[in-house]
N, C-alpha and C. Protein backbone atom coordinates (compact mmCIF):
# COMPACT_ATOMS: atom_id res chain seq x y z
N UNK A 1 108.57 94.69 76.60
CA UNK A 1 109.26 94.81 75.34
C UNK A 1 108.59 95.87 74.45
N UNK A 2 107.27 95.78 74.34
CA UNK A 2 106.54 96.73 73.51
C UNK A 2 106.76 98.16 74.00
N UNK A 3 106.67 98.34 75.29
CA UNK A 3 106.82 99.68 75.84
C UNK A 3 108.24 100.21 75.65
N UNK A 4 109.21 99.32 75.82
CA UNK A 4 110.60 99.74 75.60
C UNK A 4 110.81 100.13 74.13
N UNK A 5 110.22 99.35 73.23
CA UNK A 5 110.33 99.65 71.80
C UNK A 5 109.68 100.99 71.49
N UNK A 6 108.51 101.24 72.06
CA UNK A 6 107.82 102.49 71.79
C UNK A 6 108.59 103.68 72.36
N UNK A 7 109.18 103.51 73.52
CA UNK A 7 110.01 104.60 74.08
C UNK A 7 111.21 104.86 73.18
N UNK A 8 111.80 103.79 72.62
CA UNK A 8 112.94 103.95 71.71
C UNK A 8 112.49 104.64 70.43
N UNK A 9 111.30 104.33 69.93
CA UNK A 9 110.77 105.00 68.74
C UNK A 9 110.68 106.50 69.00
N UNK A 10 110.14 106.88 70.14
CA UNK A 10 110.02 108.31 70.47
C UNK A 10 111.40 108.97 70.55
N UNK A 11 112.35 108.25 71.12
CA UNK A 11 113.72 108.79 71.22
C UNK A 11 114.34 108.95 69.83
N UNK A 12 114.15 107.96 68.97
CA UNK A 12 114.71 108.00 67.61
C UNK A 12 114.14 109.16 66.81
N UNK A 13 112.82 109.32 66.83
CA UNK A 13 112.23 110.39 66.01
C UNK A 13 112.52 111.77 66.58
N UNK A 14 112.84 111.83 67.86
CA UNK A 14 113.20 113.12 68.45
C UNK A 14 114.60 113.55 67.99
N UNK A 15 115.49 112.57 67.82
CA UNK A 15 116.88 112.87 67.49
C UNK A 15 117.19 112.84 66.00
N UNK A 16 116.31 112.20 65.20
CA UNK A 16 116.59 112.00 63.78
C UNK A 16 115.38 112.42 62.93
N UNK A 17 115.65 112.82 61.72
CA UNK A 17 114.57 113.08 60.76
C UNK A 17 114.24 111.77 60.08
N UNK A 18 113.22 111.11 60.54
CA UNK A 18 112.79 109.82 60.00
C UNK A 18 111.60 110.08 59.08
N UNK A 19 111.77 109.75 57.79
CA UNK A 19 110.72 110.00 56.80
C UNK A 19 109.84 108.80 56.54
N UNK A 20 110.37 107.57 56.72
CA UNK A 20 109.61 106.37 56.37
C UNK A 20 109.65 105.35 57.50
N UNK A 21 108.70 104.44 57.44
CA UNK A 21 108.69 103.35 58.42
C UNK A 21 109.93 102.47 58.24
N UNK A 22 110.37 102.32 57.00
CA UNK A 22 111.58 101.53 56.74
C UNK A 22 112.79 102.10 57.45
N UNK A 23 112.94 103.43 57.41
CA UNK A 23 114.05 104.07 58.11
C UNK A 23 113.94 103.83 59.62
N UNK A 24 112.72 103.90 60.13
CA UNK A 24 112.50 103.69 61.56
C UNK A 24 112.85 102.25 61.96
N UNK A 25 112.46 101.31 61.12
CA UNK A 25 112.79 99.90 61.38
C UNK A 25 114.29 99.70 61.41
N UNK A 26 115.02 100.32 60.46
CA UNK A 26 116.49 100.22 60.44
C UNK A 26 117.09 100.77 61.72
N UNK A 27 116.60 101.92 62.17
CA UNK A 27 117.11 102.53 63.41
C UNK A 27 116.82 101.64 64.62
N UNK A 28 115.62 101.08 64.67
CA UNK A 28 115.27 100.18 65.78
C UNK A 28 116.19 98.97 65.80
N UNK A 29 116.50 98.43 64.61
CA UNK A 29 117.41 97.28 64.53
C UNK A 29 118.77 97.60 65.11
N UNK A 30 119.25 98.84 64.92
CA UNK A 30 120.55 99.24 65.47
C UNK A 30 120.57 99.14 66.99
N UNK A 31 119.40 99.28 67.61
CA UNK A 31 119.29 99.22 69.06
C UNK A 31 118.80 97.86 69.56
N UNK A 32 118.78 96.88 68.67
CA UNK A 32 118.40 95.52 69.06
C UNK A 32 116.91 95.23 69.05
N UNK A 33 116.12 96.12 68.48
CA UNK A 33 114.68 95.90 68.38
C UNK A 33 114.35 95.43 66.97
N UNK A 34 114.22 94.12 66.78
CA UNK A 34 113.86 93.59 65.47
C UNK A 34 112.35 93.65 65.35
N UNK A 35 111.87 94.47 64.43
CA UNK A 35 110.43 94.68 64.29
C UNK A 35 110.00 94.56 62.85
N UNK A 36 108.76 94.16 62.68
CA UNK A 36 108.17 94.09 61.34
C UNK A 36 107.51 95.42 61.03
N UNK A 37 107.18 95.61 59.77
CA UNK A 37 106.49 96.84 59.36
C UNK A 37 105.14 96.93 60.06
N UNK A 38 104.45 95.82 60.19
CA UNK A 38 103.12 95.83 60.83
C UNK A 38 103.23 96.25 62.30
N UNK A 39 104.25 95.77 63.00
CA UNK A 39 104.44 96.12 64.40
C UNK A 39 104.75 97.61 64.54
N UNK A 40 105.65 98.11 63.70
CA UNK A 40 106.02 99.52 63.76
C UNK A 40 104.82 100.40 63.40
N UNK A 41 104.04 99.98 62.43
CA UNK A 41 102.85 100.73 62.05
C UNK A 41 101.87 100.81 63.22
N UNK A 42 101.68 99.70 63.91
CA UNK A 42 100.79 99.67 65.08
C UNK A 42 101.33 100.56 66.19
N UNK A 43 102.64 100.49 66.43
CA UNK A 43 103.27 101.35 67.45
C UNK A 43 103.06 102.82 67.11
N UNK A 44 103.25 103.16 65.84
CA UNK A 44 103.11 104.56 65.42
C UNK A 44 101.69 105.05 65.63
N UNK A 45 100.73 104.18 65.36
CA UNK A 45 99.32 104.54 65.56
C UNK A 45 99.05 104.76 67.05
N UNK A 46 99.54 103.84 67.90
CA UNK A 46 99.32 103.96 69.34
C UNK A 46 100.00 105.20 69.91
N UNK A 47 101.16 105.54 69.36
CA UNK A 47 101.89 106.73 69.82
C UNK A 47 101.35 108.02 69.20
N UNK A 48 100.44 107.86 68.24
CA UNK A 48 99.82 108.98 67.54
C UNK A 48 100.86 109.85 66.80
N UNK A 49 101.82 109.17 66.18
CA UNK A 49 102.84 109.89 65.43
C UNK A 49 102.22 110.52 64.19
N UNK A 50 102.73 111.66 63.83
CA UNK A 50 102.26 112.36 62.63
C UNK A 50 103.48 112.78 61.83
N UNK A 51 103.23 113.08 60.55
CA UNK A 51 104.31 113.61 59.71
C UNK A 51 104.18 115.12 59.68
N UNK A 52 105.33 115.77 59.83
CA UNK A 52 105.34 117.23 59.75
C UNK A 52 106.33 117.66 58.68
N UNK A 53 106.09 118.79 58.11
CA UNK A 53 106.96 119.35 57.08
C UNK A 53 108.15 120.01 57.76
N UNK A 54 109.36 119.67 57.29
CA UNK A 54 110.57 120.28 57.85
C UNK A 54 110.90 121.57 57.09
N UNK A 55 111.82 122.34 57.61
CA UNK A 55 112.25 123.57 56.94
C UNK A 55 112.88 123.28 55.58
N UNK A 56 113.45 122.08 55.43
CA UNK A 56 114.10 121.69 54.18
C UNK A 56 113.08 121.24 53.13
N UNK A 57 111.80 121.15 53.52
CA UNK A 57 110.78 120.76 52.57
C UNK A 57 110.48 119.27 52.54
N UNK A 58 111.13 118.50 53.39
CA UNK A 58 110.84 117.07 53.46
C UNK A 58 109.90 116.83 54.66
N UNK A 59 109.50 115.59 54.82
CA UNK A 59 108.62 115.26 55.93
C UNK A 59 109.36 114.39 56.94
N UNK A 60 108.94 114.46 58.19
CA UNK A 60 109.51 113.62 59.23
C UNK A 60 108.43 113.25 60.22
N UNK A 61 108.60 112.08 60.86
CA UNK A 61 107.66 111.67 61.90
C UNK A 61 107.95 112.45 63.18
N UNK A 62 106.89 112.80 63.88
CA UNK A 62 107.03 113.50 65.14
C UNK A 62 105.89 113.09 66.07
N UNK A 63 106.13 113.22 67.35
CA UNK A 63 105.10 112.94 68.35
C UNK A 63 104.25 114.19 68.52
N UNK A 64 102.99 114.02 68.86
CA UNK A 64 102.15 115.19 69.08
C UNK A 64 102.70 116.03 70.24
N UNK A 65 102.40 117.31 70.22
CA UNK A 65 102.91 118.22 71.25
C UNK A 65 102.50 117.78 72.65
N UNK A 66 101.25 117.39 72.82
CA UNK A 66 100.80 116.93 74.12
C UNK A 66 100.88 115.42 74.15
N UNK A 67 101.55 114.88 75.18
CA UNK A 67 101.66 113.43 75.30
C UNK A 67 101.29 112.98 76.71
N UNK A 68 100.06 113.26 77.15
CA UNK A 68 99.67 112.85 78.49
C UNK A 68 99.67 111.34 78.67
N UNK A 69 99.36 110.59 77.60
CA UNK A 69 99.34 109.14 77.70
C UNK A 69 100.72 108.59 78.07
N UNK A 70 101.77 109.17 77.49
CA UNK A 70 103.12 108.70 77.78
C UNK A 70 103.45 108.95 79.24
N UNK A 71 103.12 110.15 79.75
CA UNK A 71 103.38 110.44 81.16
C UNK A 71 102.56 109.52 82.06
N UNK A 72 101.32 109.27 81.70
CA UNK A 72 100.45 108.39 82.46
C UNK A 72 101.04 106.99 82.50
N UNK A 73 101.48 106.48 81.33
CA UNK A 73 102.06 105.15 81.28
C UNK A 73 103.33 105.07 82.13
N UNK A 74 104.17 106.06 82.04
CA UNK A 74 105.40 106.05 82.84
C UNK A 74 105.10 106.06 84.33
N UNK A 75 104.07 106.81 84.72
CA UNK A 75 103.68 106.82 86.14
C UNK A 75 103.19 105.44 86.57
N UNK A 76 102.38 104.79 85.71
CA UNK A 76 101.89 103.46 86.04
C UNK A 76 103.05 102.46 86.13
N UNK A 77 104.00 102.58 85.23
CA UNK A 77 105.15 101.68 85.25
C UNK A 77 105.96 101.88 86.55
N UNK A 78 106.09 103.12 86.98
CA UNK A 78 106.78 103.42 88.23
C UNK A 78 106.01 102.84 89.41
N UNK A 79 104.70 103.01 89.40
CA UNK A 79 103.86 102.45 90.47
C UNK A 79 104.06 100.94 90.53
N UNK A 80 104.07 100.30 89.36
CA UNK A 80 104.26 98.85 89.32
C UNK A 80 105.60 98.48 89.95
N UNK A 81 106.66 99.14 89.50
CA UNK A 81 108.00 98.81 90.01
C UNK A 81 108.10 99.03 91.51
N UNK A 82 107.49 100.11 92.01
CA UNK A 82 107.60 100.45 93.42
C UNK A 82 106.68 99.63 94.32
N UNK A 83 105.61 99.05 93.76
CA UNK A 83 104.65 98.34 94.60
C UNK A 83 104.91 96.84 94.68
N UNK A 84 105.58 96.26 93.71
CA UNK A 84 105.79 94.81 93.69
C UNK A 84 106.86 94.40 94.69
N UNK A 85 106.50 93.41 95.53
CA UNK A 85 107.46 92.89 96.50
C UNK A 85 108.02 91.54 96.07
N UNK A 86 107.20 90.75 95.34
CA UNK A 86 107.68 89.46 94.83
C UNK A 86 106.71 88.98 93.75
N UNK A 87 107.13 87.96 93.04
CA UNK A 87 106.27 87.36 92.02
C UNK A 87 106.72 85.93 91.81
N UNK A 88 105.78 85.13 91.32
CA UNK A 88 106.09 83.73 91.06
C UNK A 88 105.21 83.23 89.92
N UNK A 89 105.71 82.21 89.27
CA UNK A 89 105.01 81.59 88.16
C UNK A 89 104.46 80.25 88.68
N UNK A 90 103.17 80.01 88.49
CA UNK A 90 102.55 78.74 88.88
C UNK A 90 101.78 78.23 87.66
N UNK A 91 102.45 77.44 86.87
CA UNK A 91 101.94 76.97 85.59
C UNK A 91 101.57 78.16 84.71
N UNK A 92 100.28 78.33 84.35
CA UNK A 92 99.94 79.45 83.48
C UNK A 92 99.53 80.70 84.27
N UNK A 93 99.68 80.67 85.59
CA UNK A 93 99.37 81.83 86.42
C UNK A 93 100.64 82.55 86.84
N UNK A 94 100.55 83.86 86.89
CA UNK A 94 101.62 84.66 87.47
C UNK A 94 101.01 85.31 88.70
N UNK A 95 101.63 85.07 89.85
CA UNK A 95 101.14 85.62 91.11
C UNK A 95 102.11 86.73 91.53
N UNK A 96 101.57 87.93 91.67
CA UNK A 96 102.39 89.08 92.02
C UNK A 96 101.96 89.58 93.39
N UNK A 97 102.90 89.67 94.32
CA UNK A 97 102.65 90.22 95.65
C UNK A 97 103.09 91.68 95.65
N UNK A 98 102.26 92.53 96.27
CA UNK A 98 102.56 93.96 96.32
C UNK A 98 102.53 94.45 97.76
N UNK A 99 102.90 95.68 97.93
CA UNK A 99 102.72 96.32 99.22
C UNK A 99 101.22 96.38 99.51
N UNK A 100 100.81 96.39 100.77
CA UNK A 100 99.38 96.41 101.10
C UNK A 100 98.64 97.55 100.40
N UNK A 101 97.49 97.19 99.80
CA UNK A 101 96.65 98.18 99.16
C UNK A 101 97.04 98.57 97.74
N UNK A 102 98.10 97.98 97.19
CA UNK A 102 98.59 98.42 95.88
C UNK A 102 98.41 97.40 94.76
N UNK A 103 97.73 96.29 95.03
CA UNK A 103 97.53 95.30 93.97
C UNK A 103 96.68 95.87 92.83
N UNK A 104 95.67 96.67 93.14
CA UNK A 104 94.85 97.26 92.09
C UNK A 104 95.66 98.22 91.22
N UNK A 105 96.53 99.00 91.83
CA UNK A 105 97.38 99.92 91.06
C UNK A 105 98.33 99.14 90.16
N UNK A 106 98.92 98.08 90.70
CA UNK A 106 99.81 97.24 89.90
C UNK A 106 99.02 96.59 88.76
N UNK A 107 97.80 96.16 89.04
CA UNK A 107 96.95 95.56 88.02
C UNK A 107 96.59 96.54 86.92
N UNK A 108 96.33 97.78 87.31
CA UNK A 108 96.04 98.81 86.31
C UNK A 108 97.25 99.04 85.41
N UNK A 109 98.43 99.05 86.01
CA UNK A 109 99.66 99.21 85.22
C UNK A 109 99.81 98.04 84.25
N UNK A 110 99.59 96.82 84.73
CA UNK A 110 99.69 95.63 83.88
C UNK A 110 98.69 95.73 82.72
N UNK A 111 97.45 96.09 83.04
CA UNK A 111 96.42 96.18 82.01
C UNK A 111 96.77 97.21 80.94
N UNK A 112 97.46 98.28 81.31
CA UNK A 112 97.82 99.31 80.33
C UNK A 112 98.98 98.89 79.43
N UNK A 113 99.67 97.82 79.79
CA UNK A 113 100.83 97.38 79.02
C UNK A 113 100.47 96.53 77.82
N UNK A 114 99.19 96.17 77.66
CA UNK A 114 98.75 95.34 76.52
C UNK A 114 99.65 94.11 76.34
N UNK A 115 99.77 93.31 77.37
CA UNK A 115 100.67 92.16 77.37
C UNK A 115 100.11 91.03 76.50
N UNK A 116 100.96 90.56 75.60
CA UNK A 116 100.57 89.44 74.75
C UNK A 116 100.31 88.20 75.60
N UNK A 117 99.29 87.45 75.25
CA UNK A 117 98.95 86.18 75.88
C UNK A 117 98.37 86.32 77.29
N UNK A 118 98.06 87.55 77.73
CA UNK A 118 97.40 87.74 79.02
C UNK A 118 95.90 87.55 78.80
N UNK A 119 95.32 86.59 79.50
CA UNK A 119 93.90 86.30 79.37
C UNK A 119 93.08 87.19 80.29
N UNK A 120 93.58 87.40 81.51
CA UNK A 120 92.86 88.25 82.46
C UNK A 120 93.65 88.45 83.73
N UNK A 121 93.19 89.40 84.54
CA UNK A 121 93.86 89.68 85.80
C UNK A 121 92.82 89.87 86.90
N UNK A 122 93.24 89.60 88.13
CA UNK A 122 92.37 89.73 89.28
C UNK A 122 93.23 90.25 90.42
N UNK A 123 92.80 91.36 91.02
CA UNK A 123 93.58 91.98 92.09
C UNK A 123 92.81 91.97 93.40
N UNK A 124 93.53 91.69 94.46
CA UNK A 124 92.99 91.81 95.81
C UNK A 124 93.66 93.01 96.47
N UNK A 125 93.95 92.89 97.75
CA UNK A 125 94.59 93.98 98.47
C UNK A 125 96.09 94.03 98.18
N UNK A 126 96.75 92.89 98.31
CA UNK A 126 98.20 92.86 98.11
C UNK A 126 98.64 91.72 97.19
N UNK A 127 97.70 91.16 96.44
CA UNK A 127 98.01 90.05 95.54
C UNK A 127 97.31 90.25 94.21
N UNK A 128 98.04 90.00 93.15
CA UNK A 128 97.53 90.13 91.79
C UNK A 128 97.74 88.80 91.08
N UNK A 129 96.67 88.24 90.54
CA UNK A 129 96.75 87.00 89.76
C UNK A 129 96.60 87.35 88.29
N UNK A 130 97.50 86.84 87.48
CA UNK A 130 97.43 87.02 86.03
C UNK A 130 97.28 85.64 85.40
N UNK A 131 96.24 85.45 84.63
CA UNK A 131 96.05 84.20 83.90
C UNK A 131 96.61 84.40 82.50
N UNK A 132 97.61 83.59 82.17
CA UNK A 132 98.23 83.64 80.86
C UNK A 132 97.68 82.49 80.01
N UNK A 133 97.85 82.57 78.70
CA UNK A 133 97.32 81.53 77.81
C UNK A 133 97.92 80.16 78.08
N UNK A 134 99.21 80.12 78.43
CA UNK A 134 99.86 78.84 78.67
C UNK A 134 101.05 79.02 79.60
N UNK A 135 101.66 77.91 79.98
CA UNK A 135 102.77 77.94 80.92
C UNK A 135 103.96 78.73 80.39
N UNK A 136 104.26 78.56 79.11
CA UNK A 136 105.43 79.25 78.56
C UNK A 136 105.22 80.76 78.52
N UNK A 137 103.99 81.23 78.26
CA UNK A 137 103.70 82.67 78.28
C UNK A 137 103.92 83.24 79.68
N UNK A 138 103.53 82.45 80.69
CA UNK A 138 103.70 82.90 82.08
C UNK A 138 105.19 83.03 82.40
N UNK A 139 106.00 82.07 81.97
CA UNK A 139 107.43 82.13 82.23
C UNK A 139 108.07 83.32 81.53
N UNK A 140 107.67 83.55 80.29
CA UNK A 140 108.21 84.69 79.53
C UNK A 140 107.86 86.00 80.24
N UNK A 141 106.62 86.12 80.69
CA UNK A 141 106.22 87.36 81.36
C UNK A 141 106.94 87.52 82.70
N UNK A 142 107.18 86.44 83.42
CA UNK A 142 107.95 86.53 84.67
C UNK A 142 109.36 87.07 84.39
N UNK A 143 109.94 86.67 83.27
CA UNK A 143 111.26 87.20 82.89
C UNK A 143 111.17 88.70 82.60
N UNK A 144 110.06 89.13 81.97
CA UNK A 144 109.88 90.56 81.71
C UNK A 144 109.71 91.34 83.00
N UNK A 145 108.99 90.75 83.97
CA UNK A 145 108.84 91.42 85.27
C UNK A 145 110.22 91.57 85.92
N UNK A 146 111.01 90.51 85.86
CA UNK A 146 112.36 90.57 86.45
C UNK A 146 113.16 91.71 85.82
N UNK A 147 113.08 91.86 84.52
CA UNK A 147 113.79 92.94 83.82
C UNK A 147 113.27 94.31 84.27
N UNK A 148 111.95 94.44 84.38
CA UNK A 148 111.36 95.72 84.81
C UNK A 148 111.81 96.09 86.21
N UNK A 149 111.87 95.10 87.09
CA UNK A 149 112.21 95.37 88.49
C UNK A 149 113.69 95.66 88.70
N UNK A 150 114.52 95.28 87.73
CA UNK A 150 115.96 95.57 87.84
C UNK A 150 116.22 97.08 87.81
N UNK A 151 115.30 97.84 87.22
CA UNK A 151 115.46 99.28 87.09
C UNK A 151 115.23 100.04 88.39
N UNK A 152 114.79 99.35 89.45
CA UNK A 152 114.49 100.06 90.69
C UNK A 152 115.73 100.48 91.41
């Protein structure tokens, strides 16, 4: 969810002159992303958004010219989608099976996603264990994995 929201933020500021966080929140709401000012502020910091002066003399948010982190994250997300063969929820654990030798890569992708309620992860050769705070967090994350894998 966070990553989808951040990608939408980048898309919005690329297509629109957004001067305030309030305007950005309104645009996100149009796309079904209900966000608070604190969440958007955190996203903007993580995306390293800056304000630039437009030709009209106003300011707008923009992404820095170099965005290697975004490309890196997208590559990790692709690795995750391509390496996962199955997953299951076992109480507060999420067990992810991958192609042989790719559990560490999938784990690295998971770790870069800053998943809420993830306590820790452990990767073997083709199995990744994720310890979530509680059973409901594990179920929610399994639903997110299902959504991510639909894009393959």
